[in-house]
Amino acid sequence: MTGRTTFDAGEICWVDLQARDVEAAKSFYAAVFGWRYEDLPTPDGRSYSKAFLDDDLVTVIAPQNPLQEASGTAAQWNIYFAAADAKAIAEETPHAGGTVEFGPEDVADTGVMVFVAPPGGGTTGVWQPGSHAGTAKYNEPGALAWAELLTPEPQAAVAFFQQLFGHEVTEYPQDDGGTYTTLMVHGAEVAGIARVPGDAQDALEPGWQVYFGVSSIPEAVAAAVAAGAVVLVEPEGDASDDEDAGSVATLRDPQGGVFSLLAV
């Protein structure tokens, strides 16, 4: 699946980045993914940037709000589930055991945005589309390819999203005795939920992990490190020896934003 024009409720439809220095973030991610940009003004006189692959919009890089800037908050990637009625999702969130963190708020004519959090935490965007449906490319180099929630309460988080969106689930037993759960829409896996690894230490904190597709993990990691990234999770093994090895890596960008790479 690549080009997208619509998303069903419960699918991950969009990601965006909030960063202290938008220009620096643009330079970094252009070096890694080859994005080009179009800058647009914000109401407070700053600017945000739409990121494109060719002519297809894949994400936005926006400035942090004043509170985030003042507190020195690291850059953050946000994920969004598509919804038919963002207000209804917000109203149902407390009944599902979660909290509403922001919204609902109209974003001009582009859509309605809400941020909620499931039990155990993990800021989650909800997007009711207007003129903007979401990413125009999916599961190809330079575009959103997957998202997963790392949480101390995976079972409660799964129940939360099932109540809000009606997800079906598939569970995969893990070697450590835990379970990796995927949320499903119409039989297709759309996101993962897992317990925060016990040996993660400071590398992988609770919250959503966003994955971007790349054609070569080693080349993308090298480009990211050359542009100032730190590797948090090294790709394992040699992809030439095992088709599953070396297919994922996790990095921190120069402003602290954590993202992962997925071979597609």
C-alpha atoms as a PDB file:
ATOM      1  CA  MET A   1       0.000   0.000   0.000  1.00  0.00           C
ATOM      2  CA  THR A   2       1.486   3.367  -0.978  1.00  0.00           C
ATOM      3  CA  GLY A   3      -0.647   6.292  -2.168  1.00  0.00           C
ATOM      4  CA  ARG A   4      -3.524   7.236   0.152  1.00  0.00           C
ATOM      5  CA  THR A   5      -6.427   9.637  -0.251  1.00  0.00           C
ATOM      6  CA  THR A   6      -8.721   8.411   2.542  1.00  0.00           C
ATOM      7  CA  PHE A   7      -8.392   6.576   5.863  1.00  0.00           C
ATOM      8  CA  ASP A   8     -10.915   4.496   7.761  1.00  0.00           C
ATOM      9  CA  ALA A   9     -11.660   5.281  11.398  1.00  0.00           C
ATOM     10  CA  GLY A  10      -9.040   3.636  13.610  1.00  0.00           C
ATOM     11  CA  GLU A  11      -6.216   3.729  11.070  1.00  0.00           C
ATOM     12  CA  ILE A  12      -3.051   5.748  11.706  1.00  0.00           C
ATOM     13  CA  CYS A  13      -3.477   8.530   9.171  1.00  0.00           C
ATOM     14  CA  TRP A  14      -0.879  11.172  10.000  1.00  0.00           C
ATOM     15  CA  VAL A  15       2.268  12.084  11.909  1.00  0.00           C
ATOM     16  CA  ASP A  16       3.841  15.469  12.594  1.00  0.00           C
ATOM     17  CA  LEU A  17       6.868  16.820  14.416  1.00  0.00           C
ATOM     18  CA  GLN A  18       7.070  19.625  16.960  1.00  0.00           C
ATOM     19  CA  ALA A  19      10.612  21.006  17.211  1.00  0.00           C
ATOM     20  CA  ARG A  20      12.336  23.978  18.841  1.00  0.00           C
ATOM     21  CA  ASP A  21      14.228  24.828  15.641  1.00  0.00           C
ATOM     22  CA  VAL A  22      12.121  24.127  12.567  1.00  0.00           C
ATOM     23  CA  GLU A  23      14.876  25.039  10.113  1.00  0.00           C
ATOM     24  CA  ALA A  24      17.368  22.689  11.768  1.00  0.00           C
ATOM     25  CA  ALA A  25      14.787  19.883  11.800  1.00  0.00           C
ATOM     26  CA  LYS A  26      14.083  20.450   8.118  1.00  0.00           C
ATOM     27  CA  SER A  27      17.770  20.117   7.270  1.00  0.00           C
ATOM     28  CA  PHE A  28      18.154  16.945   9.326  1.00  0.00           C
ATOM     29  CA  TYR A  29      15.168  15.084   7.901  1.00  0.00           C
ATOM     30  CA  ALA A  30      15.919  16.200   4.352  1.00  0.00           C
ATOM     31  CA  ALA A  31      19.328  14.559   4.749  1.00  0.00           C
ATOM     32  CA  VAL A  32      17.724  11.312   5.948  1.00  0.00           C
ATOM     33  CA  PHE A  33      14.586  11.068   3.795  1.00  0.00           C
ATOM     34  CA  GLY A  34      15.060  13.539   0.951  1.00  0.00           C
ATOM     35  CA  TRP A  35      12.012  15.605   1.871  1.00  0.00           C
ATOM     36  CA  ARG A  36      11.380  18.968   0.229  1.00  0.00           C
ATOM     37  CA  TYR A  37       9.440  21.682   2.028  1.00  0.00           C
ATOM     38  CA  GLU A  38       6.902  24.442   1.669  1.00  0.00           C
ATOM     39  CA  ASP A  39       6.823  27.006   4.491  1.00  0.00           C
ATOM     40  CA  LEU A  40       3.595  28.536   5.767  1.00  0.00           C
ATOM     41  CA  PRO A  41       3.027  31.157   8.502  1.00  0.00           C
ATOM     42  CA  THR A  42       1.572  30.389  11.923  1.00  0.00           C
ATOM     43  CA  PRO A  43      -0.845  32.783  13.665  1.00  0.00           C
ATOM     44  CA  ASP A  44       1.911  33.916  16.056  1.00  0.00           C
ATOM     45  CA  GLY A  45       4.201  35.030  13.232  1.00  0.00           C
ATOM     46  CA  ARG A  46       6.420  31.978  13.070  1.00  0.00           C
ATOM     47  CA  SER A  47       6.269  29.339  10.347  1.00  0.00           C
ATOM     48  CA  TYR A  48       5.728  25.627   9.905  1.00  0.00           C
ATOM     49  CA  SER A  49       6.780  23.456   7.004  1.00  0.00           C
ATOM     50  CA  LYS A  50       4.937  20.911   4.933  1.00  0.00           C
ATOM     51  CA  ALA A  51       7.231  18.026   3.940  1.00  0.00           C
ATOM     52  CA  PHE A  52       6.812  16.353   0.556  1.00  0.00           C
ATOM     53  CA  LEU A  53       8.066  13.337  -1.325  1.00  0.00           C
ATOM     54  CA  ASP A  54       7.852  14.527  -4.920  1.00  0.00           C
ATOM     55  CA  ASP A  55       4.440  16.242  -4.865  1.00  0.00           C
ATOM     56  CA  ASP A  56       2.961  14.103  -2.087  1.00  0.00           C
ATOM     57  CA  LEU A  57       2.521  15.553   1.411  1.00  0.00           C
ATOM     58  CA  VAL A  58       3.904  13.164   4.031  1.00  0.00           C
ATOM     59  CA  THR A  59       4.233  15.203   7.243  1.00  0.00           C
ATOM     60  CA  VAL A  60       4.545  18.648   8.829  1.00  0.00           C
ATOM     61  CA  ILE A  61       7.346  20.108  10.945  1.00  0.00           C
ATOM     62  CA  ALA A  62       5.933  22.733  13.320  1.00  0.00           C
ATOM     63  CA  PRO A  63       7.396  24.945  16.066  1.00  0.00           C
ATOM     64  CA  GLN A  64       6.857  24.014  19.692  1.00  0.00           C
ATOM     65  CA  ASN A  65       4.418  26.020  21.738  1.00  0.00           C
ATOM     66  CA  PRO A  66       5.844  28.577  24.221  1.00  0.00           C
ATOM     67  CA  LEU A  67       5.487  26.251  27.229  1.00  0.00           C
ATOM     68  CA  GLN A  68       7.409  23.496  25.457  1.00  0.00           C
ATOM     69  CA  GLU A  69      10.121  25.941  24.445  1.00  0.00           C
ATOM     70  CA  ALA A  70      10.432  27.409  27.942  1.00  0.00           C
ATOM     71  CA  SER A  71      10.740  23.987  29.569  1.00  0.00           C
ATOM     72  CA  GLY A  72      13.332  22.712  27.092  1.00  0.00           C
ATOM     73  CA  THR A  73      11.070  19.904  25.887  1.00  0.00           C
ATOM     74  CA  ALA A  74      12.655  17.581  23.350  1.00  0.00           C
ATOM     75  CA  ALA A  75      11.259  17.457  19.835  1.00  0.00           C
ATOM     76  CA  GLN A  76       8.358  15.037  19.555  1.00  0.00           C
ATOM     77  CA  TRP A  77       6.709  13.038  16.805  1.00  0.00           C
ATOM     78  CA  ASN A  78       2.913  12.851  17.177  1.00  0.00           C
ATOM     79  CA  ILE A  79       0.702  10.166  15.650  1.00  0.00           C
ATOM     80  CA  TYR A  80      -2.980  10.519  14.736  1.00  0.00           C
ATOM     81  CA  PHE A  81      -5.786   7.997  14.396  1.00  0.00           C
ATOM     82  CA  ALA A  82      -8.447   8.818  11.818  1.00  0.00           C
ATOM     83  CA  ALA A  83     -11.917   9.362  13.280  1.00  0.00           C
ATOM     84  CA  ALA A  84     -15.352  10.096  11.884  1.00  0.00           C
ATOM     85  CA  ASP A  85     -16.234  12.262  14.905  1.00  0.00           C
ATOM     86  CA  ALA A  86     -13.379  13.645  17.015  1.00  0.00           C
ATOM     87  CA  LYS A  87     -15.764  15.200  19.541  1.00  0.00           C
ATOM     88  CA  ALA A  88     -17.418  11.829  20.158  1.00  0.00           C
ATOM     89  CA  ILE A  89     -13.986  10.251  20.710  1.00  0.00           C
ATOM     90  CA  ALA A  90     -13.160  12.948  23.262  1.00  0.00           C
ATOM     91  CA  GLU A  91     -16.449  12.362  25.074  1.00  0.00           C
ATOM     92  CA  GLU A  92     -15.900   8.597  25.183  1.00  0.00           C
ATOM     93  CA  THR A  93     -12.264   8.796  26.326  1.00  0.00           C
ATOM     94  CA  PRO A  94     -12.930   9.077  30.099  1.00  0.00           C
ATOM     95  CA  HIS A  95     -15.361   6.162  29.927  1.00  0.00           C
ATOM     96  CA  ALA A  96     -12.604   4.080  28.284  1.00  0.00           C
ATOM     97  CA  GLY A  97     -10.211   4.863  31.137  1.00  0.00           C
ATOM     98  CA  GLY A  98      -8.179   7.545  29.375  1.00  0.00           C
ATOM     99  CA  THR A  99      -7.786  11.299  29.572  1.00  0.00           C
ATOM    100  CA  VAL A 100      -8.364  14.135  27.108  1.00  0.00           C
ATOM    101  CA  GLU A 101      -5.201  16.237  26.896  1.00  0.00           C
ATOM    102  CA  PHE A 102      -6.273  18.792  24.282  1.00  0.00           C
ATOM    103  CA  GLY A 103      -9.252  19.707  22.143  1.00  0.00           C
ATOM    104  CA  PRO A 104     -11.385  19.048  20.254  1.00  0.00           C
ATOM    105  CA  GLU A 105     -10.231  21.988  18.153  1.00  0.00           C
ATOM    106  CA  ASP A 106     -10.966  22.961  14.564  1.00  0.00           C
ATOM    107  CA  VAL A 107      -7.801  23.433  12.513  1.00  0.00           C
ATOM    108  CA  ALA A 108      -9.154  25.886   9.944  1.00  0.00           C
ATOM    109  CA  ASP A 109     -10.916  23.805   7.279  1.00  0.00           C
ATOM    110  CA  THR A 110      -8.367  20.968   7.368  1.00  0.00           C
ATOM    111  CA  GLY A 111      -9.998  18.951  10.157  1.00  0.00           C
ATOM    112  CA  VAL A 112     -10.692  18.577  13.867  1.00  0.00           C
ATOM    113  CA  MET A 113      -7.905  17.573  16.258  1.00  0.00           C
ATOM    114  CA  VAL A 114      -7.979  15.961  19.706  1.00  0.00           C
ATOM    115  CA  PHE A 115      -5.165  14.606  21.865  1.00  0.00           C
ATOM    116  CA  VAL A 116      -6.024  11.802  24.280  1.00  0.00           C
ATOM    117  CA  ALA A 117      -3.993   9.397  26.405  1.00  0.00           C
ATOM    118  CA  PRO A 118      -4.783   5.751  27.224  1.00  0.00           C
ATOM    119  CA  PRO A 119      -4.229   4.206  30.672  1.00  0.00           C
ATOM    120  CA  GLY A 120      -0.472   4.063  31.227  1.00  0.00           C
ATOM    121  CA  GLY A 121       0.141   7.198  29.146  1.00  0.00           C
ATOM    122  CA  GLY A 122       1.061   7.857  25.548  1.00  0.00           C
ATOM    123  CA  THR A 123      -0.196  11.083  23.974  1.00  0.00           C
ATOM    124  CA  THR A 124      -2.338  10.070  20.992  1.00  0.00           C
ATOM    125  CA  GLY A 125      -3.681  12.338  18.292  1.00  0.00           C
ATOM    126  CA  VAL A 126      -7.155  11.882  16.819  1.00  0.00           C
ATOM    127  CA  TRP A 127      -7.927  13.465  13.464  1.00  0.00           C
ATOM    128  CA  GLN A 128     -11.345  14.057  11.933  1.00  0.00           C
ATOM    129  CA  PRO A 129     -10.549  14.945   8.314  1.00  0.00           C
ATOM    130  CA  GLY A 130     -11.757  18.033   6.559  1.00  0.00           C
ATOM    131  CA  SER A 131      -9.766  19.123   3.524  1.00  0.00           C
ATOM    132  CA  HIS A 132      -6.753  17.168   4.840  1.00  0.00           C
ATOM    133  CA  ALA A 133      -7.153  13.375   5.108  1.00  0.00           C
ATOM    134  CA  GLY A 134      -3.622  12.428   6.119  1.00  0.00           C
ATOM    135  CA  THR A 135      -0.357  11.285   4.598  1.00  0.00           C
ATOM    136  CA  ALA A 136      -0.454  10.891   0.819  1.00  0.00           C
ATOM    137  CA  LYS A 137       2.105   8.062   0.897  1.00  0.00           C
ATOM    138  CA  TYR A 138       2.359   5.067   3.187  1.00  0.00           C
ATOM    139  CA  ASN A 139       4.798   2.186   3.618  1.00  0.00           C
ATOM    140  CA  GLU A 140       7.396   3.365   1.157  1.00  0.00           C
ATOM    141  CA  PRO A 141      10.786   5.064   1.513  1.00  0.00           C
ATOM    142  CA  GLY A 142      10.505   8.424   3.247  1.00  0.00           C
ATOM    143  CA  ALA A 143       6.894   7.938   4.348  1.00  0.00           C
ATOM    144  CA  LEU A 144       5.071   6.742   7.453  1.00  0.00           C
ATOM    145  CA  ALA A 145       5.274   2.951   7.609  1.00  0.00           C
ATOM    146  CA  TRP A 146       4.177   1.882  11.114  1.00  0.00           C
ATOM    147  CA  ALA A 147       3.515   3.095  14.660  1.00  0.00           C
ATOM    148  CA  GLU A 148       3.567   1.324  17.997  1.00  0.00           C
ATOM    149  CA  LEU A 149       2.808   2.263  21.570  1.00  0.00           C
ATOM    150  CA  LEU A 150       5.247   1.281  24.321  1.00  0.00           C
ATOM    151  CA  THR A 151       3.356   1.307  27.610  1.00  0.00           C
ATOM    152  CA  PRO A 152       3.546  -0.091  31.132  1.00  0.00           C
ATOM    153  CA  GLU A 153      -0.132  -1.087  30.798  1.00  0.00           C
ATOM    154  CA  PRO A 154      -0.522  -2.780  27.398  1.00  0.00           C
ATOM    155  CA  GLN A 155      -3.735  -4.669  28.162  1.00  0.00           C
ATOM    156  CA  ALA A 156      -5.478  -1.522  29.401  1.00  0.00           C
ATOM    157  CA  ALA A 157      -4.234   0.411  26.366  1.00  0.00           C
ATOM    158  CA  VAL A 158      -5.538  -2.247  23.971  1.00  0.00           C
ATOM    159  CA  ALA A 159      -8.957  -2.161  25.654  1.00  0.00           C
ATOM    160  CA  PHE A 160      -8.941   1.642  25.474  1.00  0.00           C
ATOM    161  CA  PHE A 161      -8.418   1.737  21.700  1.00  0.00           C
ATOM    162  CA  GLN A 162     -10.891  -1.077  21.140  1.00  0.00           C
ATOM    163  CA  GLN A 163     -13.550   0.892  22.990  1.00  0.00           C
ATOM    164  CA  LEU A 164     -12.832   4.098  21.058  1.00  0.00           C
ATOM    165  CA  PHE A 165     -12.379   2.664  17.565  1.00  0.00           C
ATOM    166  CA  GLY A 166     -13.639  -0.930  17.628  1.00  0.00           C
ATOM    167  CA  HIS A 167     -10.276  -2.391  16.706  1.00  0.00           C
ATOM    168  CA  GLU A 168      -9.876  -6.113  16.302  1.00  0.00           C
ATOM    169  CA  VAL A 169      -6.559  -7.431  17.614  1.00  0.00           C
ATOM    170  CA  THR A 170      -3.931 -10.061  16.918  1.00  0.00           C
ATOM    171  CA  GLU A 171      -1.554 -11.159  19.664  1.00  0.00           C
ATOM    172  CA  TYR A 172       1.989 -12.385  19.096  1.00  0.00           C
ATOM    173  CA  PRO A 173       3.766 -14.149  22.001  1.00  0.00           C
ATOM    174  CA  GLN A 174       7.290 -12.833  22.607  1.00  0.00           C
ATOM    175  CA  ASP A 175      10.437 -14.639  23.746  1.00  0.00           C
ATOM    176  CA  ASP A 176      10.418 -12.687  27.020  1.00  0.00           C
ATOM    177  CA  GLY A 177       6.982 -14.050  27.908  1.00  0.00           C
ATOM    178  CA  GLY A 178       5.157 -10.869  26.943  1.00  0.00           C
ATOM    179  CA  THR A 179       2.787 -10.216  24.061  1.00  0.00           C
ATOM    180  CA  TYR A 180       2.960  -7.862  21.090  1.00  0.00           C
ATOM    181  CA  THR A 181      -0.565  -6.831  20.126  1.00  0.00           C
ATOM    182  CA  THR A 182      -1.564  -5.329  16.803  1.00  0.00           C
ATOM    183  CA  LEU A 183      -4.682  -3.217  16.348  1.00  0.00           C
ATOM    184  CA  MET A 184      -6.598  -4.106  13.193  1.00  0.00           C
ATOM    185  CA  VAL A 185      -9.101  -2.376  10.889  1.00  0.00           C
ATOM    186  CA  HIS A 186     -10.945  -4.513   8.314  1.00  0.00           C
ATOM    187  CA  GLY A 187      -8.447  -7.320   8.851  1.00  0.00           C
ATOM    188  CA  ALA A 188      -5.356  -5.166   8.291  1.00  0.00           C
ATOM    189  CA  GLU A 189      -2.833  -4.393  11.015  1.00  0.00           C
ATOM    190  CA  VAL A 190      -2.618  -0.649  11.637  1.00  0.00           C
ATOM    191  CA  ALA A 191      -0.553  -0.217  14.828  1.00  0.00           C
ATOM    192  CA  GLY A 192       1.213  -2.160  17.555  1.00  0.00           C
ATOM    193  CA  ILE A 193       1.093  -2.096  21.363  1.00  0.00           C
ATOM    194  CA  ALA A 194       3.784  -3.600  23.592  1.00  0.00           C
ATOM    195  CA  ARG A 195       5.043  -3.393  27.146  1.00  0.00           C
ATOM    196  CA  VAL A 196       8.005  -1.065  27.632  1.00  0.00           C
ATOM    197  CA  PRO A 197      11.066  -3.350  27.456  1.00  0.00           C
ATOM    198  CA  GLY A 198      12.540  -4.019  30.875  1.00  0.00           C
ATOM    199  CA  ASP A 199      16.075  -3.517  29.561  1.00  0.00           C
ATOM    200  CA  ALA A 200      15.242  -0.344  27.648  1.00  0.00           C
ATOM    201  CA  GLN A 201      16.672   1.951  30.348  1.00  0.00           C
ATOM    202  CA  ASP A 202      16.592   5.453  28.872  1.00  0.00           C
ATOM    203  CA  ALA A 203      16.660   4.378  25.233  1.00  0.00           C
ATOM    204  CA  LEU A 204      12.964   3.682  24.710  1.00  0.00           C
ATOM    205  CA  GLU A 205      10.558   5.570  26.929  1.00  0.00           C
ATOM    206  CA  PRO A 206       6.789   5.008  27.157  1.00  0.00           C
ATOM    207  CA  GLY A 207       4.862   6.565  24.307  1.00  0.00           C
ATOM    208  CA  TRP A 208       4.276   6.203  20.600  1.00  0.00           C
ATOM    209  CA  GLN A 209       7.135   5.196  18.323  1.00  0.00           C
ATOM    210  CA  VAL A 210       6.810   6.350  14.706  1.00  0.00           C
ATOM    211  CA  TYR A 211       8.426   4.336  11.902  1.00  0.00           C
ATOM    212  CA  PHE A 212       9.430   5.701   8.500  1.00  0.00           C
ATOM    213  CA  GLY A 213      10.138   3.464   5.550  1.00  0.00           C
ATOM    214  CA  VAL A 214      13.614   3.328   4.004  1.00  0.00           C
ATOM    215  CA  SER A 215      15.058   1.258   1.187  1.00  0.00           C
ATOM    216  CA  SER A 216      18.321   0.596   3.081  1.00  0.00           C
ATOM    217  CA  ILE A 217      18.655   0.610   6.863  1.00  0.00           C
ATOM    218  CA  PRO A 218      22.480   0.917   6.854  1.00  0.00           C
ATOM    219  CA  GLU A 219      22.420   3.842   4.412  1.00  0.00           C
ATOM    220  CA  ALA A 220      19.645   5.644   6.284  1.00  0.00           C
ATOM    221  CA  VAL A 221      21.357   5.141   9.658  1.00  0.00           C
ATOM    222  CA  ALA A 222      24.642   6.425   8.220  1.00  0.00           C
ATOM    223  CA  ALA A 223      22.921   9.509   6.782  1.00  0.00           C
ATOM    224  CA  ALA A 224      21.146  10.203  10.076  1.00  0.00           C
ATOM    225  CA  VAL A 225      24.315   9.838  12.168  1.00  0.00           C
ATOM    226  CA  ALA A 226      26.227  12.088   9.758  1.00  0.00           C
ATOM    227  CA  ALA A 227      23.475  14.699  10.240  1.00  0.00           C
ATOM    228  CA  GLY A 228      23.757  14.508  14.035  1.00  0.00           C
ATOM    229  CA  ALA A 229      21.510  11.636  15.159  1.00  0.00           C
ATOM    230  CA  VAL A 230      22.255   9.171  17.949  1.00  0.00           C
ATOM    231  CA  VAL A 231      21.431   5.493  17.416  1.00  0.00           C
ATOM    232  CA  LEU A 232      19.294   4.153  20.289  1.00  0.00           C
ATOM    233  CA  VAL A 233      18.547   0.688  18.905  1.00  0.00           C
ATOM    234  CA  GLU A 234      21.047  -0.749  16.450  1.00  0.00           C
ATOM    235  CA  PRO A 235      19.791  -2.850  13.549  1.00  0.00           C
ATOM    236  CA  GLU A 236      20.476  -6.472  14.442  1.00  0.00           C
ATOM    237  CA  GLY A 237      22.456  -8.811  12.207  1.00  0.00           C
ATOM    238  CA  ASP A 238      23.019  -8.545   8.490  1.00  0.00           C
ATOM    239  CA  ALA A 239      20.015  -8.217   6.192  1.00  0.00           C
ATOM    240  CA  SER A 240      21.920 -10.208   3.542  1.00  0.00           C
ATOM    241  CA  ASP A 241      21.948 -13.229   5.890  1.00  0.00           C
ATOM    242  CA  ASP A 242      18.390 -13.050   7.182  1.00  0.00           C
ATOM    243  CA  GLU A 243      15.510 -11.218   5.512  1.00  0.00           C
ATOM    244  CA  ASP A 244      14.242 -10.103   8.925  1.00  0.00           C
ATOM    245  CA  ALA A 245      17.608  -9.021  10.311  1.00  0.00           C
ATOM    246  CA  GLY A 246      18.696  -5.417  10.092  1.00  0.00           C
ATOM    247  CA  SER A 247      15.189  -4.344   9.137  1.00  0.00           C
ATOM    248  CA  VAL A 248      14.591  -1.876  12.007  1.00  0.00           C
ATOM    249  CA  ALA A 249      16.611   0.809  13.793  1.00  0.00           C
ATOM    250  CA  THR A 250      15.695   3.541  16.288  1.00  0.00           C
ATOM    251  CA  LEU A 251      17.400   6.937  16.499  1.00  0.00           C
ATOM    252  CA  ARG A 252      17.227  10.265  18.311  1.00  0.00           C
ATOM    253  CA  ASP A 253      17.472  13.391  16.156  1.00  0.00           C
ATOM    254  CA  PRO A 254      19.655  16.369  17.193  1.00  0.00           C
ATOM    255  CA  GLN A 255      16.710  18.013  18.994  1.00  0.00           C
ATOM    256  CA  GLY A 256      15.750  14.874  20.906  1.00  0.00           C
ATOM    257  CA  GLY A 257      12.977  13.566  18.668  1.00  0.00           C
ATOM    258  CA  VAL A 258      12.875   9.749  18.627  1.00  0.00           C
ATOM    259  CA  PHE A 259      11.968   7.941  15.423  1.00  0.00           C
ATOM    260  CA  SER A 260      12.483   4.511  13.891  1.00  0.00           C
ATOM    261  CA  LEU A 261      13.410   3.222  10.468  1.00  0.00           C
ATOM    262  CA  LEU A 262      11.715   0.253   8.815  1.00  0.00           C
ATOM    263  CA  ALA A 263      13.006  -1.475   5.684  1.00  0.00           C
ATOM    264  CA  VAL A 264      10.278  -1.458   3.019  1.00  0.00           C
END
